[in-house]
Each structure stands twice: as structure tokens, then as C-alpha cells.
Amino acid sequence: MKLLRTIRLDPSDTFVFERAAEPGEWAVSGSFVFSDTDPAALQGKERSAFRGGFLGVTSLGWSTLVQIVEASDEDRERLVGELSQRLVEHFGAPDLATARAAAEEEVAFAASLCVQPQDTLIAVHRSAENGEIREAFRSLHAKGGPKPLRAFAFLEVEDDEAQPADQVDLVQLANGDRK
């Protein structure tokens, strides 16, 4: 079986997100974090997490990329157990049984993203449409086949559906406005 682990190719996640996931944590999509939030009202680092972050289960931090890795049944069971605890402690699940059912669903969804070969990187783009959270996932492969990835490597993107173009105003950014 394959699951997702956080990966950090450079230190940018520590600047982009309020809390960055530690490299190597088990990860899930994490869209449930925003289920009671108005995405249009999000700003700054919270908006960055909504738009392009995977949730690291141990730290509850965010990662821009996750990596597909081999996992054992025991790994999966520990992941479900840890996520269940987090759902009760931090997200208001009424009890462990309810949290476990939700955790099972989140982990199954994460596993369903692992259709590419081991070590493939996955990125997410999240948006809100008609009151619903939509997610689009892209797989990133080293150009010319598997090679060690560096912080600045040329990648081919598969399954890159038409994404809304993010526009950055460098003048505003230089003036400290990070909206």
C-alpha cells in the first residue's frame, strides 16, 4: 500500500505557512480544517494553507508537497489512530469512534491519490466554488525519469487541469502587502 508523507525541498514552507509540517510526517489532504471557514475571508498564511497545503498529521502543520511512499498496514493503522486523536483534541470531534470513522475516510482518500509510482510528488490547488471546497491534484515527476530532486529542478506536470492563474503584484509584495 502507498500513503503520503510531507517533503520539504527548500525552506519556503516555513515562510508560506503559519506552521510548516516537519519533513517525513504522514499527510492527508486536510481540507476538513476549512470546513467551517469562509475561504473568501482567509488572508495571508491561512489563505496559503487553504489554497495549496497538505496537512501533516503529527504537527498539524502544512506542506506544499507530499511524496508517495510505501506503507505497511501498521503504518496505516498508526496514521488513522493519530489522526483520530487529533480530530478529538483539536477539531471538536465528539468522541473517538466518530473521529476514527472520519480519520479512516481521510486516510482512504489520501491513499487514493497514490496511483503514481513511489517517490512521485503531489501538489494540491484548493478553491471554493458555490459554497464547496474543490481540490485539484497534480503529480510532479523528474524530467527524463526518476532522479534525485533538488530544490530547483525542472519538472513535468501531469494532470494539470486548467488552474486559475495566481497573479502576484511584486510592488505590493515589496511594500509588505502579502494579500
N, C-alpha and C. Protein backbone atom coordinates (compact mmCIF):
# COMPACT_ATOMS: atom_id res chain seq x y z
N MET A 1 0.85 -1.17 0.00
CA MET A 1 0.00 0.00 0.00
C MET A 1 0.89 1.23 0.00
N LYS A 2 0.35 2.34 -0.52
CA LYS A 2 1.09 3.60 -0.56
C LYS A 2 0.28 4.67 0.16
N LEU A 3 1.02 5.55 0.83
CA LEU A 3 0.42 6.70 1.51
C LEU A 3 1.27 7.94 1.22
N LEU A 4 0.88 9.06 1.80
CA LEU A 4 1.56 10.33 1.55
C LEU A 4 2.38 10.77 2.76
N ARG A 5 3.59 11.26 2.49
CA ARG A 5 4.44 11.85 3.52
C ARG A 5 4.81 13.26 3.08
N THR A 6 4.93 14.15 4.05
CA THR A 6 5.34 15.51 3.74
C THR A 6 6.80 15.51 3.29
N ILE A 7 7.13 16.48 2.47
CA ILE A 7 8.50 16.63 2.00
C ILE A 7 8.79 18.12 1.93
N ARG A 8 10.02 18.49 2.20
CA ARG A 8 10.42 19.90 2.13
C ARG A 8 11.67 19.98 1.27
N LEU A 9 11.52 20.50 0.06
CA LEU A 9 12.64 20.62 -0.86
C LEU A 9 13.49 21.85 -0.58
N ASP A 10 12.89 22.84 0.06
CA ASP A 10 13.59 24.07 0.44
C ASP A 10 12.85 24.64 1.65
N PRO A 11 13.34 25.71 2.24
CA PRO A 11 12.70 26.22 3.47
C PRO A 11 11.44 27.05 3.24
N SER A 12 10.94 27.15 2.02
CA SER A 12 9.83 28.06 1.72
C SER A 12 8.56 27.77 2.54
N ASP A 13 8.27 26.53 2.87
CA ASP A 13 7.07 26.24 3.66
C ASP A 13 7.11 26.94 5.02
N THR A 14 8.30 27.14 5.56
CA THR A 14 8.41 27.80 6.86
C THR A 14 8.06 29.28 6.78
N PHE A 15 8.08 29.84 5.58
CA PHE A 15 7.70 31.24 5.38
C PHE A 15 6.26 31.37 4.89
N VAL A 16 5.80 30.37 4.13
CA VAL A 16 4.49 30.43 3.48
C VAL A 16 3.36 30.13 4.45
N PHE A 17 3.58 29.19 5.37
CA PHE A 17 2.53 28.74 6.28
C PHE A 17 2.80 29.20 7.71
N GLU A 18 1.73 29.39 8.47
CA GLU A 18 1.86 29.75 9.88
C GLU A 18 2.64 28.66 10.62
N ARG A 19 2.31 27.41 10.33
CA ARG A 19 3.02 26.27 10.90
C ARG A 19 3.35 25.32 9.76
N ALA A 20 4.61 25.09 9.52
CA ALA A 20 5.03 24.17 8.47
C ALA A 20 5.12 22.76 9.04
N ALA A 21 4.68 21.79 8.26
CA ALA A 21 4.82 20.38 8.65
C ALA A 21 6.29 20.01 8.66
N GLU A 22 6.64 19.10 9.51
CA GLU A 22 8.00 18.58 9.52
C GLU A 22 8.17 17.60 8.36
N PRO A 23 9.31 17.58 7.72
CA PRO A 23 9.52 16.62 6.63
C PRO A 23 9.36 15.18 7.14
N GLY A 24 8.67 14.35 6.35
CA GLY A 24 8.52 12.94 6.68
C GLY A 24 7.29 12.59 7.49
N GLU A 25 6.43 13.56 7.80
CA GLU A 25 5.19 13.25 8.53
C GLU A 25 4.20 12.59 7.58
N TRP A 26 3.35 11.72 8.12
CA TRP A 26 2.23 11.23 7.34
C TRP A 26 1.32 12.41 7.07
N ALA A 27 0.71 12.42 5.89
CA ALA A 27 -0.10 13.58 5.49
C ALA A 27 -1.45 13.15 4.93
N VAL A 28 -2.40 14.05 5.08
CA VAL A 28 -3.72 13.92 4.45
C VAL A 28 -4.01 15.25 3.77
N SER A 29 -5.04 15.27 2.96
CA SER A 29 -5.39 16.49 2.25
C SER A 29 -5.59 17.66 3.21
N GLY A 30 -6.38 17.47 4.24
CA GLY A 30 -6.57 18.49 5.25
C GLY A 30 -7.65 19.52 4.95
N SER A 31 -8.42 19.32 3.90
CA SER A 31 -9.46 20.31 3.58
C SER A 31 -10.50 20.42 4.70
N PHE A 32 -10.66 19.39 5.52
CA PHE A 32 -11.63 19.44 6.62
C PHE A 32 -11.32 20.57 7.60
N VAL A 33 -10.06 21.00 7.65
CA VAL A 33 -9.67 22.09 8.54
C VAL A 33 -10.46 23.36 8.20
N PHE A 34 -10.84 23.51 6.94
CA PHE A 34 -11.51 24.73 6.48
C PHE A 34 -13.01 24.56 6.31
N SER A 35 -13.57 23.47 6.81
CA SER A 35 -14.98 23.18 6.58
C SER A 35 -15.92 24.21 7.21
N ASP A 36 -15.52 24.84 8.29
CA ASP A 36 -16.36 25.85 8.94
C ASP A 36 -15.82 27.26 8.72
N THR A 37 -15.07 27.45 7.64
CA THR A 37 -14.42 28.72 7.36
C THR A 37 -14.93 29.28 6.04
N ASP A 38 -15.04 30.59 5.97
CA ASP A 38 -15.36 31.24 4.70
C ASP A 38 -14.04 31.46 3.97
N PRO A 39 -13.77 30.68 2.92
CA PRO A 39 -12.49 30.80 2.21
C PRO A 39 -12.22 32.21 1.69
N ALA A 40 -13.27 32.95 1.35
CA ALA A 40 -13.08 34.30 0.83
C ALA A 40 -12.53 35.24 1.91
N ALA A 41 -12.74 34.90 3.17
CA ALA A 41 -12.27 35.75 4.27
C ALA A 41 -10.84 35.43 4.69
N LEU A 42 -10.27 34.36 4.18
CA LEU A 42 -8.91 33.97 4.57
C LEU A 42 -7.89 34.93 3.98
N GLN A 43 -6.86 35.21 4.74
CA GLN A 43 -5.79 36.09 4.28
C GLN A 43 -4.44 35.52 4.69
N GLY A 44 -3.42 35.98 4.04
CA GLY A 44 -2.05 35.67 4.41
C GLY A 44 -1.73 34.19 4.43
N LYS A 45 -1.10 33.77 5.51
CA LYS A 45 -0.62 32.39 5.62
C LYS A 45 -1.75 31.38 5.71
N GLU A 46 -2.85 31.78 6.33
CA GLU A 46 -4.01 30.88 6.40
C GLU A 46 -4.58 30.65 5.00
N ARG A 47 -4.61 31.69 4.19
CA ARG A 47 -5.06 31.57 2.81
C ARG A 47 -4.12 30.67 2.01
N SER A 48 -2.83 30.79 2.25
CA SER A 48 -1.86 29.93 1.57
C SER A 48 -2.09 28.46 1.92
N ALA A 49 -2.37 28.18 3.19
CA ALA A 49 -2.65 26.80 3.60
C ALA A 49 -3.90 26.29 2.92
N PHE A 50 -4.93 27.12 2.84
CA PHE A 50 -6.16 26.71 2.16
C PHE A 50 -5.88 26.41 0.69
N ARG A 51 -5.18 27.27 0.03
CA ARG A 51 -5.01 27.16 -1.42
C ARG A 51 -4.04 26.05 -1.84
N GLY A 52 -3.04 25.74 -1.02
CA GLY A 52 -2.06 24.78 -1.52
C GLY A 52 -1.33 23.99 -0.46
N GLY A 53 -2.00 23.59 0.62
CA GLY A 53 -1.31 22.86 1.66
C GLY A 53 -1.89 21.48 1.93
N PHE A 54 -1.01 20.54 2.22
CA PHE A 54 -1.38 19.22 2.75
C PHE A 54 -1.13 19.28 4.25
N LEU A 55 -1.97 18.62 5.02
CA LEU A 55 -1.86 18.64 6.47
C LEU A 55 -0.95 17.52 6.96
N GLY A 56 0.11 17.89 7.67
CA GLY A 56 0.95 16.91 8.36
C GLY A 56 0.24 16.51 9.64
N VAL A 57 -0.02 15.24 9.83
CA VAL A 57 -0.87 14.78 10.92
C VAL A 57 -0.23 14.97 12.29
N THR A 58 1.05 14.77 12.42
CA THR A 58 1.70 14.88 13.73
C THR A 58 1.75 16.33 14.21
N SER A 59 2.22 17.23 13.38
CA SER A 59 2.39 18.63 13.79
C SER A 59 1.17 19.50 13.54
N LEU A 60 0.24 19.01 12.71
CA LEU A 60 -0.88 19.81 12.21
C LEU A 60 -0.36 21.04 11.48
N GLY A 61 0.83 20.88 10.88
CA GLY A 61 1.42 21.90 10.03
C GLY A 61 1.14 21.59 8.58
N TRP A 62 1.52 22.51 7.70
CA TRP A 62 1.20 22.39 6.28
C TRP A 62 2.44 22.17 5.45
N SER A 63 2.26 21.46 4.35
CA SER A 63 3.34 21.16 3.41
C SER A 63 2.83 21.41 2.00
N THR A 64 3.62 22.10 1.20
CA THR A 64 3.25 22.37 -0.19
C THR A 64 3.23 21.10 -1.02
N LEU A 65 4.16 20.21 -0.74
CA LEU A 65 4.28 18.96 -1.49
C LEU A 65 4.25 17.76 -0.56
N VAL A 66 3.72 16.66 -1.09
CA VAL A 66 3.82 15.38 -0.41
C VAL A 66 4.42 14.37 -1.38
N GLN A 67 4.95 13.32 -0.82
CA GLN A 67 5.60 12.28 -1.61
C GLN A 67 4.88 10.96 -1.39
N ILE A 68 4.69 10.23 -2.48
CA ILE A 68 4.09 8.90 -2.40
C ILE A 68 5.15 7.93 -1.89
N VAL A 69 4.84 7.22 -0.81
CA VAL A 69 5.78 6.27 -0.22
C VAL A 69 5.06 4.96 0.09
N GLU A 70 5.83 3.90 0.15
CA GLU A 70 5.30 2.60 0.56
C GLU A 70 4.98 2.65 2.05
N ALA A 71 3.89 2.01 2.44
CA ALA A 71 3.49 1.98 3.84
C ALA A 71 2.96 0.59 4.18
N SER A 72 3.13 0.21 5.42
CA SER A 72 2.62 -1.09 5.88
C SER A 72 1.22 -0.91 6.46
N ASP A 73 0.57 -2.02 6.72
CA ASP A 73 -0.74 -1.98 7.38
C ASP A 73 -0.61 -1.33 8.76
N GLU A 74 0.51 -1.59 9.43
CA GLU A 74 0.74 -1.00 10.75
C GLU A 74 0.90 0.52 10.64
N ASP A 75 1.61 0.99 9.59
CA ASP A 75 1.74 2.43 9.37
C ASP A 75 0.37 3.07 9.19
N ARG A 76 -0.45 2.44 8.39
CA ARG A 76 -1.80 2.96 8.13
C ARG A 76 -2.61 3.00 9.42
N GLU A 77 -2.52 1.94 10.20
CA GLU A 77 -3.28 1.87 11.45
C GLU A 77 -2.83 2.97 12.43
N ARG A 78 -1.50 3.18 12.53
CA ARG A 78 -0.99 4.25 13.39
C ARG A 78 -1.45 5.62 12.90
N LEU A 79 -1.45 5.82 11.58
CA LEU A 79 -1.90 7.08 11.00
C LEU A 79 -3.36 7.34 11.34
N VAL A 80 -4.21 6.35 11.16
CA VAL A 80 -5.64 6.50 11.48
C VAL A 80 -5.81 6.81 12.97
N GLY A 81 -5.08 6.11 13.82
CA GLY A 81 -5.17 6.35 15.26
C GLY A 81 -4.73 7.76 15.64
N GLU A 82 -3.61 8.20 15.07
CA GLU A 82 -3.11 9.54 15.39
C GLU A 82 -4.05 10.63 14.87
N LEU A 83 -4.55 10.46 13.66
CA LEU A 83 -5.49 11.44 13.12
C LEU A 83 -6.78 11.46 13.94
N SER A 84 -7.24 10.30 14.38
CA SER A 84 -8.43 10.24 15.24
C SER A 84 -8.23 11.07 16.50
N GLN A 85 -7.08 10.91 17.15
CA GLN A 85 -6.77 11.69 18.35
C GLN A 85 -6.77 13.18 18.05
N ARG A 86 -6.16 13.58 16.95
CA ARG A 86 -6.09 15.00 16.57
C ARG A 86 -7.50 15.57 16.32
N LEU A 87 -8.36 14.76 15.70
CA LEU A 87 -9.71 15.22 15.42
C LEU A 87 -10.50 15.49 16.70
N VAL A 88 -10.27 14.67 17.72
CA VAL A 88 -10.93 14.88 19.01
C VAL A 88 -10.32 16.08 19.73
N GLU A 89 -8.98 16.12 19.80
CA GLU A 89 -8.28 17.14 20.59
C GLU A 89 -8.34 18.53 19.97
N HIS A 90 -8.30 18.62 18.65
CA HIS A 90 -8.15 19.93 18.00
C HIS A 90 -9.30 20.36 17.10
N PHE A 91 -10.15 19.43 16.71
CA PHE A 91 -11.18 19.79 15.73
C PHE A 91 -12.60 19.50 16.20
N GLY A 92 -12.78 19.20 17.46
CA GLY A 92 -14.11 19.10 18.04
C GLY A 92 -14.90 17.84 17.72
N ALA A 93 -14.23 16.76 17.32
CA ALA A 93 -14.96 15.50 17.13
C ALA A 93 -15.56 15.09 18.48
N PRO A 94 -16.81 14.65 18.50
CA PRO A 94 -17.49 14.37 19.77
C PRO A 94 -16.92 13.20 20.56
N ASP A 95 -16.36 12.22 19.86
CA ASP A 95 -15.79 11.06 20.54
C ASP A 95 -14.82 10.36 19.60
N LEU A 96 -14.06 9.43 20.16
CA LEU A 96 -13.03 8.74 19.38
C LEU A 96 -13.62 7.87 18.28
N ALA A 97 -14.77 7.27 18.50
CA ALA A 97 -15.38 6.41 17.47
C ALA A 97 -15.78 7.24 16.24
N THR A 98 -16.38 8.39 16.47
CA THR A 98 -16.76 9.28 15.38
C THR A 98 -15.51 9.79 14.66
N ALA A 99 -14.50 10.16 15.45
CA ALA A 99 -13.24 10.65 14.89
C ALA A 99 -12.56 9.56 14.06
N ARG A 100 -12.62 8.33 14.54
CA ARG A 100 -11.97 7.23 13.81
C ARG A 100 -12.62 7.02 12.45
N ALA A 101 -13.94 7.11 12.38
CA ALA A 101 -14.63 6.95 11.09
C ALA A 101 -14.20 8.05 10.12
N ALA A 102 -14.09 9.29 10.63
CA ALA A 102 -13.64 10.40 9.78
C ALA A 102 -12.19 10.22 9.38
N ALA A 103 -11.35 9.76 10.30
CA ALA A 103 -9.93 9.54 10.01
C ALA A 103 -9.76 8.44 8.96
N GLU A 104 -10.54 7.37 9.07
CA GLU A 104 -10.49 6.29 8.08
C GLU A 104 -10.79 6.84 6.68
N GLU A 105 -11.79 7.72 6.61
CA GLU A 105 -12.18 8.32 5.33
C GLU A 105 -11.06 9.21 4.77
N GLU A 106 -10.46 10.02 5.64
CA GLU A 106 -9.36 10.90 5.20
C GLU A 106 -8.16 10.10 4.71
N VAL A 107 -7.81 9.06 5.43
CA VAL A 107 -6.65 8.24 5.05
C VAL A 107 -6.95 7.47 3.76
N ALA A 108 -8.17 6.98 3.61
CA ALA A 108 -8.54 6.29 2.36
C ALA A 108 -8.45 7.26 1.18
N PHE A 109 -8.87 8.50 1.38
CA PHE A 109 -8.77 9.48 0.31
C PHE A 109 -7.31 9.76 -0.02
N ALA A 110 -6.47 9.92 1.00
CA ALA A 110 -5.04 10.14 0.77
C ALA A 110 -4.44 8.97 -0.01
N ALA A 111 -4.81 7.75 0.36
CA ALA A 111 -4.30 6.57 -0.34
C ALA A 111 -4.77 6.54 -1.80
N SER A 112 -5.97 7.05 -2.04
CA SER A 112 -6.48 7.06 -3.42
C SER A 112 -5.69 7.99 -4.33
N LEU A 113 -4.95 8.92 -3.75
CA LEU A 113 -4.10 9.82 -4.53
C LEU A 113 -2.78 9.18 -4.94
N CYS A 114 -2.51 8.01 -4.41
CA CYS A 114 -1.21 7.35 -4.60
C CYS A 114 -1.21 6.38 -5.77
N VAL A 115 -1.76 6.78 -6.90
CA VAL A 115 -1.81 5.90 -8.06
C VAL A 115 -0.54 5.98 -8.89
N GLN A 116 0.28 6.99 -8.68
CA GLN A 116 1.54 7.15 -9.38
C GLN A 116 2.62 6.30 -8.70
N PRO A 117 3.77 6.15 -9.34
CA PRO A 117 4.86 5.37 -8.73
C PRO A 117 5.36 5.99 -7.42
N GLN A 118 5.99 5.15 -6.61
CA GLN A 118 6.61 5.60 -5.37
C GLN A 118 7.57 6.76 -5.68
N ASP A 119 7.67 7.69 -4.76
CA ASP A 119 8.52 8.89 -4.82
C ASP A 119 7.97 10.00 -5.69
N THR A 120 6.81 9.79 -6.33
CA THR A 120 6.17 10.87 -7.07
C THR A 120 5.74 11.95 -6.08
N LEU A 121 5.89 13.20 -6.47
CA LEU A 121 5.45 14.32 -5.64
C LEU A 121 4.06 14.73 -6.08
N ILE A 122 3.24 15.13 -5.11
CA ILE A 122 1.87 15.57 -5.38
C ILE A 122 1.69 16.98 -4.82
N ALA A 123 1.03 17.83 -5.61
CA ALA A 123 0.68 19.19 -5.18
C ALA A 123 -0.84 19.33 -5.25
N VAL A 124 -1.39 20.24 -4.47
CA VAL A 124 -2.83 20.46 -4.45
C VAL A 124 -3.12 21.93 -4.74
N HIS A 125 -4.23 22.16 -5.42
CA HIS A 125 -4.77 23.51 -5.56
C HIS A 125 -6.21 23.44 -5.08
N ARG A 126 -6.51 24.21 -4.03
CA ARG A 126 -7.83 24.19 -3.42
C ARG A 126 -8.53 25.51 -3.72
N SER A 127 -9.82 25.42 -3.99
CA SER A 127 -10.62 26.62 -4.23
C SER A 127 -12.02 26.40 -3.66
N ALA A 128 -12.77 27.48 -3.58
CA ALA A 128 -14.15 27.40 -3.11
C ALA A 128 -15.06 27.79 -4.26
N GLU A 129 -16.03 26.93 -4.55
CA GLU A 129 -16.99 27.18 -5.62
C GLU A 129 -18.38 26.81 -5.12
N ASN A 130 -19.30 27.74 -5.21
CA ASN A 130 -20.69 27.51 -4.80
C ASN A 130 -20.79 26.94 -3.39
N GLY A 131 -19.98 27.46 -2.48
CA GLY A 131 -20.03 27.03 -1.10
C GLY A 131 -19.34 25.71 -0.81
N GLU A 132 -18.68 25.13 -1.80
CA GLU A 132 -17.99 23.85 -1.62
C GLU A 132 -16.50 24.02 -1.85
N ILE A 133 -15.71 23.23 -1.15
CA ILE A 133 -14.27 23.23 -1.35
C ILE A 133 -13.96 22.23 -2.46
N ARG A 134 -13.21 22.70 -3.44
CA ARG A 134 -12.78 21.85 -4.56
C ARG A 134 -11.27 21.69 -4.50
N GLU A 135 -10.81 20.49 -4.81
CA GLU A 135 -9.38 20.21 -4.82
C GLU A 135 -8.98 19.64 -6.16
N ALA A 136 -7.86 20.12 -6.68
CA ALA A 136 -7.27 19.57 -7.89
C ALA A 136 -5.84 19.18 -7.53
N PHE A 137 -5.44 17.97 -7.91
CA PHE A 137 -4.13 17.45 -7.56
C PHE A 137 -3.28 17.29 -8.81
N ARG A 138 -1.99 17.58 -8.68
CA ARG A 138 -1.04 17.40 -9.78
C ARG A 138 0.07 16.49 -9.31
N SER A 139 0.53 15.65 -10.21
CA SER A 139 1.70 14.83 -9.89
C SER A 139 2.90 15.43 -10.59
N LEU A 140 4.02 15.44 -9.88
CA LEU A 140 5.25 16.03 -10.39
C LEU A 140 6.30 14.93 -10.49
N HIS A 141 6.91 14.83 -11.66
CA HIS A 141 7.93 13.82 -11.91
C HIS A 141 9.20 14.52 -12.37
N ALA A 142 10.33 13.95 -12.03
CA ALA A 142 11.58 14.48 -12.54
C ALA A 142 11.61 14.31 -14.05
N LYS A 143 12.02 15.34 -14.76
CA LYS A 143 12.08 15.29 -16.22
C LYS A 143 13.11 14.23 -16.63
N GLY A 144 12.71 13.37 -17.55
CA GLY A 144 13.60 12.33 -18.02
C GLY A 144 13.66 11.12 -17.11
N GLY A 145 12.72 10.97 -16.21
CA GLY A 145 12.68 9.79 -15.35
C GLY A 145 13.10 10.11 -13.94
N PRO A 146 13.03 9.11 -13.07
CA PRO A 146 13.34 9.32 -11.66
C PRO A 146 14.80 9.69 -11.45
N LYS A 147 15.03 10.77 -10.74
CA LYS A 147 16.36 11.24 -10.34
C LYS A 147 16.18 11.92 -9.00
N PRO A 148 17.25 12.09 -8.27
CA PRO A 148 17.10 12.84 -7.01
C PRO A 148 16.62 14.25 -7.32
N LEU A 149 15.62 14.72 -6.57
CA LEU A 149 15.10 16.07 -6.78
C LEU A 149 15.90 17.07 -5.97
N ARG A 150 16.14 18.20 -6.56
CA ARG A 150 16.81 19.30 -5.88
C ARG A 150 15.78 20.41 -5.68
N ALA A 151 16.15 21.38 -4.91
CA ALA A 151 15.21 22.48 -4.64
C ALA A 151 14.78 23.17 -5.92
N PHE A 152 15.68 23.28 -6.89
CA PHE A 152 15.34 23.92 -8.15
C PHE A 152 15.61 22.93 -9.27
N ALA A 153 14.60 22.14 -9.59
CA ALA A 153 14.71 21.14 -10.65
C ALA A 153 13.59 21.38 -11.65
N PHE A 154 13.82 20.98 -12.89
CA PHE A 154 12.78 21.11 -13.89
C PHE A 154 11.89 19.88 -13.79
N LEU A 155 10.60 20.11 -13.70
CA LEU A 155 9.65 19.04 -13.51
C LEU A 155 8.61 19.07 -14.62
N GLU A 156 8.13 17.89 -14.96
CA GLU A 156 6.98 17.79 -15.85
C GLU A 156 5.75 17.64 -14.96
N VAL A 157 4.65 18.26 -15.34
CA VAL A 157 3.43 18.20 -14.56
C VAL A 157 2.40 17.40 -15.34
N GLU A 158 1.84 16.38 -14.68
CA GLU A 158 0.78 15.59 -15.29
C GLU A 158 -0.54 15.97 -14.63
N ASP A 159 -1.62 15.78 -15.35
CA ASP A 159 -2.97 16.03 -14.83
C ASP A 159 -3.14 17.47 -14.38
N ASP A 160 -2.50 18.37 -15.08
CA ASP A 160 -2.60 19.78 -14.74
C ASP A 160 -3.80 20.37 -15.44
N GLU A 161 -4.96 20.28 -14.76
CA GLU A 161 -6.16 20.86 -15.33
C GLU A 161 -6.02 22.37 -15.35
N ALA A 162 -6.86 23.01 -16.09
CA ALA A 162 -6.80 24.46 -16.17
C ALA A 162 -6.97 25.05 -14.78
N GLN A 163 -5.91 25.60 -14.26
CA GLN A 163 -5.91 26.20 -12.93
C GLN A 163 -6.05 27.71 -13.08
N PRO A 164 -6.78 28.34 -12.18
CA PRO A 164 -6.81 29.79 -12.24
C PRO A 164 -5.41 30.34 -12.00
N ALA A 165 -5.01 31.26 -12.80
CA ALA A 165 -3.67 31.82 -12.69
C ALA A 165 -3.59 32.70 -11.45
N ASP A 166 -2.61 32.42 -10.62
CA ASP A 166 -2.35 33.29 -9.48
C ASP A 166 -1.49 34.43 -9.97
N GLN A 167 -1.87 35.63 -9.62
CA GLN A 167 -1.10 36.78 -10.04
C GLN A 167 -0.48 37.41 -8.81
N VAL A 168 0.77 37.74 -8.93
CA VAL A 168 1.50 38.34 -7.83
C VAL A 168 1.90 39.75 -8.23
N ASP A 169 1.55 40.70 -7.39
CA ASP A 169 1.95 42.09 -7.61
C ASP A 169 3.23 42.30 -6.81
N LEU A 170 4.38 42.32 -7.50
CA LEU A 170 5.67 42.42 -6.83
C LEU A 170 5.83 43.74 -6.10
N VAL A 171 5.23 44.81 -6.60
CA VAL A 171 5.32 46.10 -5.93
C VAL A 171 4.61 46.03 -4.58
N GLN A 172 3.39 45.45 -4.55
CA GLN A 172 2.67 45.31 -3.28
C GLN A 172 3.45 44.40 -2.32
N LEU A 173 4.00 43.33 -2.85
CA LEU A 173 4.75 42.40 -2.03
C LEU A 173 5.97 43.09 -1.42
N ALA A 174 6.67 43.90 -2.22
CA ALA A 174 7.83 44.63 -1.72
C ALA A 174 7.45 45.64 -0.65
N ASN A 175 6.23 46.17 -0.73
CA ASN A 175 5.75 47.13 0.26
C ASN A 175 5.18 46.46 1.50
N GLY A 176 5.25 45.12 1.57
CA GLY A 176 4.80 44.40 2.75
C GLY A 176 3.34 43.95 2.70
N ASP A 177 2.63 44.18 1.60
CA ASP A 177 1.23 43.73 1.47
C ASP A 177 1.24 42.35 0.86
N ARG A 178 0.91 41.31 1.65
CA ARG A 178 1.01 39.92 1.19
C ARG A 178 -0.34 39.33 0.86
N LYS A 179 -1.29 40.10 0.46
CA LYS A 179 -2.63 39.58 0.13
C LYS A 179 -2.62 38.85 -1.16
